[in-house]
Amino acid sequence: MKAQPMGAPHRRQMPQFNLDEQQLSDLVRDSRWTGEINTEKWAPNIEG
């Protein structure tokens, strides 16, 4: 998020969330946690 180019001509700008270091760290931790969830056999039944 910190490396997004700002002010580049003809490029859409990313919104500024103004997260502090702790919030950014928490976001990364949560994203990694959800990325490790095994969804291979999800949903557990036909009705899903």
PDB file of N, CA and C in Angstrom:
ATOM      1  N   MET A   1       0.829  -1.189   0.000  1.00  0.00           N
ATOM      2  CA  MET A   1       0.000   0.000   0.000  1.00  0.00           C
ATOM      3  C   MET A   1       0.875   1.256   0.000  1.00  0.00           C
ATOM      4  N   LYS A   2       2.017   1.148   0.639  1.00  0.00           N
ATOM      5  CA  LYS A   2       2.883   2.315   0.700  1.00  0.00           C
ATOM      6  C   LYS A   2       3.557   2.585  -0.636  1.00  0.00           C
ATOM      7  N   ALA A   3       3.697   1.570  -1.473  1.00  0.00           N
ATOM      8  CA  ALA A   3       4.442   1.708  -2.719  1.00  0.00           C
ATOM      9  C   ALA A   3       3.572   2.131  -3.899  1.00  0.00           C
ATOM     10  N   GLN A   4       2.331   2.486  -3.672  1.00  0.00           N
ATOM     11  CA  GLN A   4       1.462   2.902  -4.770  1.00  0.00           C
ATOM     12  C   GLN A   4       1.965   4.213  -5.361  1.00  0.00           C
ATOM     13  N   PRO A   5       2.092   4.270  -6.688  1.00  0.00           N
ATOM     14  CA  PRO A   5       2.565   5.518  -7.302  1.00  0.00           C
ATOM     15  C   PRO A   5       1.510   6.622  -7.144  1.00  0.00           C
ATOM     16  N   MET A   6       1.952   7.739  -6.707  1.00  0.00           N
ATOM     17  CA  MET A   6       1.044   8.867  -6.528  1.00  0.00           C
ATOM     18  C   MET A   6       1.390   9.962  -7.543  1.00  0.00           C
ATOM     19  N   GLY A   7       0.373  10.526  -8.118  1.00  0.00           N
ATOM     20  CA  GLY A   7       0.585  11.643  -9.030  1.00  0.00           C
ATOM     21  C   GLY A   7       1.091  11.245 -10.399  1.00  0.00           C
ATOM     22  N   ALA A   8       0.994   9.962 -10.749  1.00  0.00           N
ATOM     23  CA  ALA A   8       1.419   9.535 -12.084  1.00  0.00           C
ATOM     24  C   ALA A   8       0.351   9.956 -13.084  1.00  0.00           C
ATOM     25  N   PRO A   9       0.730  10.646 -14.148  1.00  0.00           N
ATOM     26  CA  PRO A   9      -0.261  11.117 -15.115  1.00  0.00           C
ATOM     27  C   PRO A   9      -1.004   9.950 -15.788  1.00  0.00           C
ATOM     28  N   HIS A  10      -2.270  10.156 -16.001  1.00  0.00           N
ATOM     29  CA  HIS A  10      -3.144   9.202 -16.698  1.00  0.00           C
ATOM     30  C   HIS A  10      -3.315   7.886 -15.949  1.00  0.00           C
ATOM     31  N   ARG A  11      -3.095   7.880 -14.650  1.00  0.00           N
ATOM     32  CA  ARG A  11      -3.300   6.675 -13.849  1.00  0.00           C
ATOM     33  C   ARG A  11      -4.317   6.963 -12.772  1.00  0.00           C
ATOM     34  N   ARG A  12      -5.171   5.997 -12.557  1.00  0.00           N
ATOM     35  CA  ARG A  12      -6.158   6.127 -11.487  1.00  0.00           C
ATOM     36  C   ARG A  12      -5.430   6.075 -10.154  1.00  0.00           C
ATOM     37  N   GLN A  13      -5.806   6.924  -9.242  1.00  0.00           N
ATOM     38  CA  GLN A  13      -5.132   6.982  -7.949  1.00  0.00           C
ATOM     39  C   GLN A  13      -5.835   6.081  -6.943  1.00  0.00           C
ATOM     40  N   MET A  14      -5.052   5.388  -6.146  1.00  0.00           N
ATOM     41  CA  MET A  14      -5.589   4.545  -5.091  1.00  0.00           C
ATOM     42  C   MET A  14      -6.071   5.434  -3.942  1.00  0.00           C
ATOM     43  N   PRO A  15      -7.115   5.016  -3.260  1.00  0.00           N
ATOM     44  CA  PRO A  15      -7.575   5.807  -2.117  1.00  0.00           C
ATOM     45  C   PRO A  15      -6.536   5.786  -0.996  1.00  0.00           C
ATOM     46  N   GLN A  16      -6.489   6.847  -0.248  1.00  0.00           N
ATOM     47  CA  GLN A  16      -5.575   6.939   0.879  1.00  0.00           C
ATOM     48  C   GLN A  16      -6.297   6.500   2.142  1.00  0.00           C
ATOM     49  N   PHE A  17      -5.846   5.424   2.749  1.00  0.00           N
ATOM     50  CA  PHE A  17      -6.474   4.914   3.961  1.00  0.00           C
ATOM     51  C   PHE A  17      -5.827   5.478   5.217  1.00  0.00           C
ATOM     52  N   ASN A  18      -4.614   6.014   5.084  1.00  0.00           N
ATOM     53  CA  ASN A  18      -3.893   6.615   6.202  1.00  0.00           C
ATOM     54  C   ASN A  18      -3.819   5.681   7.409  1.00  0.00           C
ATOM     55  N   LEU A  19      -3.405   4.434   7.156  1.00  0.00           N
ATOM     56  CA  LEU A  19      -3.268   3.451   8.228  1.00  0.00           C
ATOM     57  C   LEU A  19      -1.944   3.663   8.949  1.00  0.00           C
ATOM     58  N   ASP A  20      -1.948   3.486  10.262  1.00  0.00           N
ATOM     59  CA  ASP A  20      -0.683   3.547  10.980  1.00  0.00           C
ATOM     60  C   ASP A  20      -0.001   2.177  10.887  1.00  0.00           C
ATOM     61  N   GLU A  21       1.209   2.072  11.407  1.00  0.00           N
ATOM     62  CA  GLU A  21       1.987   0.837  11.279  1.00  0.00           C
ATOM     63  C   GLU A  21       1.275  -0.366  11.903  1.00  0.00           C
ATOM     64  N   GLN A  22       0.631  -0.187  13.039  1.00  0.00           N
ATOM     65  CA  GLN A  22      -0.057  -1.290  13.712  1.00  0.00           C
ATOM     66  C   GLN A  22      -1.255  -1.763  12.892  1.00  0.00           C
ATOM     67  N   GLN A  23      -2.023  -0.838  12.349  1.00  0.00           N
ATOM     68  CA  GLN A  23      -3.182  -1.205  11.533  1.00  0.00           C
ATOM     69  C   GLN A  23      -2.740  -1.939  10.270  1.00  0.00           C
ATOM     70  N   LEU A  24      -1.674  -1.479   9.661  1.00  0.00           N
ATOM     71  CA  LEU A  24      -1.161  -2.130   8.462  1.00  0.00           C
ATOM     72  C   LEU A  24      -0.657  -3.535   8.785  1.00  0.00           C
ATOM     73  N   SER A  25       0.032  -3.677   9.905  1.00  0.00           N
ATOM     74  CA  SER A  25       0.524  -4.980  10.338  1.00  0.00           C
ATOM     75  C   SER A  25      -0.638  -5.936  10.617  1.00  0.00           C
ATOM     76  N   ASP A  26      -1.678  -5.443  11.272  1.00  0.00           N
ATOM     77  CA  ASP A  26      -2.862  -6.265  11.551  1.00  0.00           C
ATOM     78  C   ASP A  26      -3.552  -6.695  10.267  1.00  0.00           C
ATOM     79  N   LEU A  27      -3.628  -5.798   9.301  1.00  0.00           N
ATOM     80  CA  LEU A  27      -4.254  -6.112   8.019  1.00  0.00           C
ATOM     81  C   LEU A  27      -3.488  -7.214   7.292  1.00  0.00           C
ATOM     82  N   VAL A  28      -2.167  -7.121   7.294  1.00  0.00           N
ATOM     83  CA  VAL A  28      -1.330  -8.149   6.659  1.00  0.00           C
ATOM     84  C   VAL A  28      -1.508  -9.483   7.376  1.00  0.00           C
ATOM     85  N   ARG A  29      -1.502  -9.463   8.708  1.00  0.00           N
ATOM     86  CA  ARG A  29      -1.673 -10.699   9.487  1.00  0.00           C
ATOM     87  C   ARG A  29      -3.012 -11.358   9.170  1.00  0.00           C
ATOM     88  N   ASP A  30      -4.087 -10.572   9.152  1.00  0.00           N
ATOM     89  CA  ASP A  30      -5.415 -11.118   8.874  1.00  0.00           C
ATOM     90  C   ASP A  30      -5.520 -11.651   7.447  1.00  0.00           C
ATOM     91  N   SER A  31      -4.905 -10.958   6.502  1.00  0.00           N
ATOM     92  CA  SER A  31      -4.930 -11.415   5.108  1.00  0.00           C
ATOM     93  C   SER A  31      -4.195 -12.743   4.957  1.00  0.00           C
ATOM     94  N   ARG A  32      -3.069 -12.880   5.637  1.00  0.00           N
ATOM     95  CA  ARG A  32      -2.337 -14.149   5.586  1.00  0.00           C
ATOM     96  C   ARG A  32      -3.153 -15.269   6.214  1.00  0.00           C
ATOM     97  N   TRP A  33      -3.806 -14.982   7.325  1.00  0.00           N
ATOM     98  CA  TRP A  33      -4.611 -15.993   8.011  1.00  0.00           C
ATOM     99  C   TRP A  33      -5.754 -16.474   7.117  1.00  0.00           C
ATOM    100  N   THR A  34      -6.485 -15.547   6.486  1.00  0.00           N
ATOM    101  CA  THR A  34      -7.591 -15.971   5.626  1.00  0.00           C
ATOM    102  C   THR A  34      -7.081 -16.680   4.376  1.00  0.00           C
ATOM    103  N   GLY A  35      -5.890 -16.341   3.912  1.00  0.00           N
ATOM    104  CA  GLY A  35      -5.314 -16.999   2.744  1.00  0.00           C
ATOM    105  C   GLY A  35      -4.927 -18.443   2.999  1.00  0.00           C
ATOM    106  N   GLU A  36      -4.768 -18.810   4.259  1.00  0.00           N
ATOM    107  CA  GLU A  36      -4.372 -20.179   4.591  1.00  0.00           C
ATOM    108  C   GLU A  36      -5.552 -21.101   4.861  1.00  0.00           C
ATOM    109  N   ILE A  37      -6.762 -20.596   4.800  1.00  0.00           N
ATOM    110  CA  ILE A  37      -7.939 -21.426   5.052  1.00  0.00           C
ATOM    111  C   ILE A  37      -8.118 -22.406   3.903  1.00  0.00           C
ATOM    112  N   ASN A  38      -8.256 -23.686   4.233  1.00  0.00           N
ATOM    113  CA  ASN A  38      -8.414 -24.724   3.221  1.00  0.00           C
ATOM    114  C   ASN A  38      -9.881 -24.774   2.798  1.00  0.00           C
ATOM    115  N   THR A  39     -10.148 -24.337   1.588  1.00  0.00           N
ATOM    116  CA  THR A  39     -11.525 -24.340   1.070  1.00  0.00           C
ATOM    117  C   THR A  39     -11.732 -25.438   0.027  1.00  0.00           C
ATOM    118  N   GLU A  40     -10.806 -26.380  -0.034  1.00  0.00           N
ATOM    119  CA  GLU A  40     -10.859 -27.414  -1.071  1.00  0.00           C
ATOM    120  C   GLU A  40     -12.164 -28.196  -1.053  1.00  0.00           C
ATOM    121  N   LYS A  41     -12.665 -28.540   0.123  1.00  0.00           N
ATOM    122  CA  LYS A  41     -13.901 -29.320   0.196  1.00  0.00           C
ATOM    123  C   LYS A  41     -15.063 -28.482   0.731  1.00  0.00           C
ATOM    124  N   TRP A  42     -15.037 -27.205   0.465  1.00  0.00           N
ATOM    125  CA  TRP A  42     -16.090 -26.316   0.923  1.00  0.00           C
ATOM    126  C   TRP A  42     -17.063 -26.151  -0.217  1.00  0.00           C
ATOM    127  N   ALA A  43     -18.262 -26.150  -0.117  1.00  0.00           N
ATOM    128  CA  ALA A  43     -19.110 -26.309   1.068  1.00  0.00           C
ATOM    129  C   ALA A  43     -19.208 -27.778   1.464  1.00  0.00           C
ATOM    130  N   PRO A  44     -19.432 -28.018   2.763  1.00  0.00           N
ATOM    131  CA  PRO A  44     -19.382 -29.394   3.260  1.00  0.00           C
ATOM    132  C   PRO A  44     -20.536 -30.280   2.828  1.00  0.00           C
ATOM    133  N   ASN A  45     -21.570 -29.721   2.229  1.00  0.00           N
ATOM    134  CA  ASN A  45     -22.691 -30.559   1.788  1.00  0.00           C
ATOM    135  C   ASN A  45     -23.264 -30.018   0.480  1.00  0.00           C
ATOM    136  N   ILE A  46     -24.144 -30.763  -0.133  1.00  0.00           N
ATOM    137  CA  ILE A  46     -24.727 -30.387  -1.429  1.00  0.00           C
ATOM    138  C   ILE A  46     -25.502 -29.074  -1.342  1.00  0.00           C
ATOM    139  N   GLU A  47     -26.163 -28.845  -0.216  1.00  0.00           N
ATOM    140  CA  GLU A  47     -26.962 -27.635  -0.075  1.00  0.00           C
ATOM    141  C   GLU A  47     -26.073 -26.398   0.003  1.00  0.00           C
ATOM    142  N   GLY A  48     -24.814 -26.612   0.388  1.00  0.00           N
ATOM    143  CA  GLY A  48     -23.802 -25.605   0.410  1.00  0.00           C
ATOM    144  C   GLY A  48     -24.098 -24.389   1.158  1.00  0.00           C
TER     145      GLY A  48
END
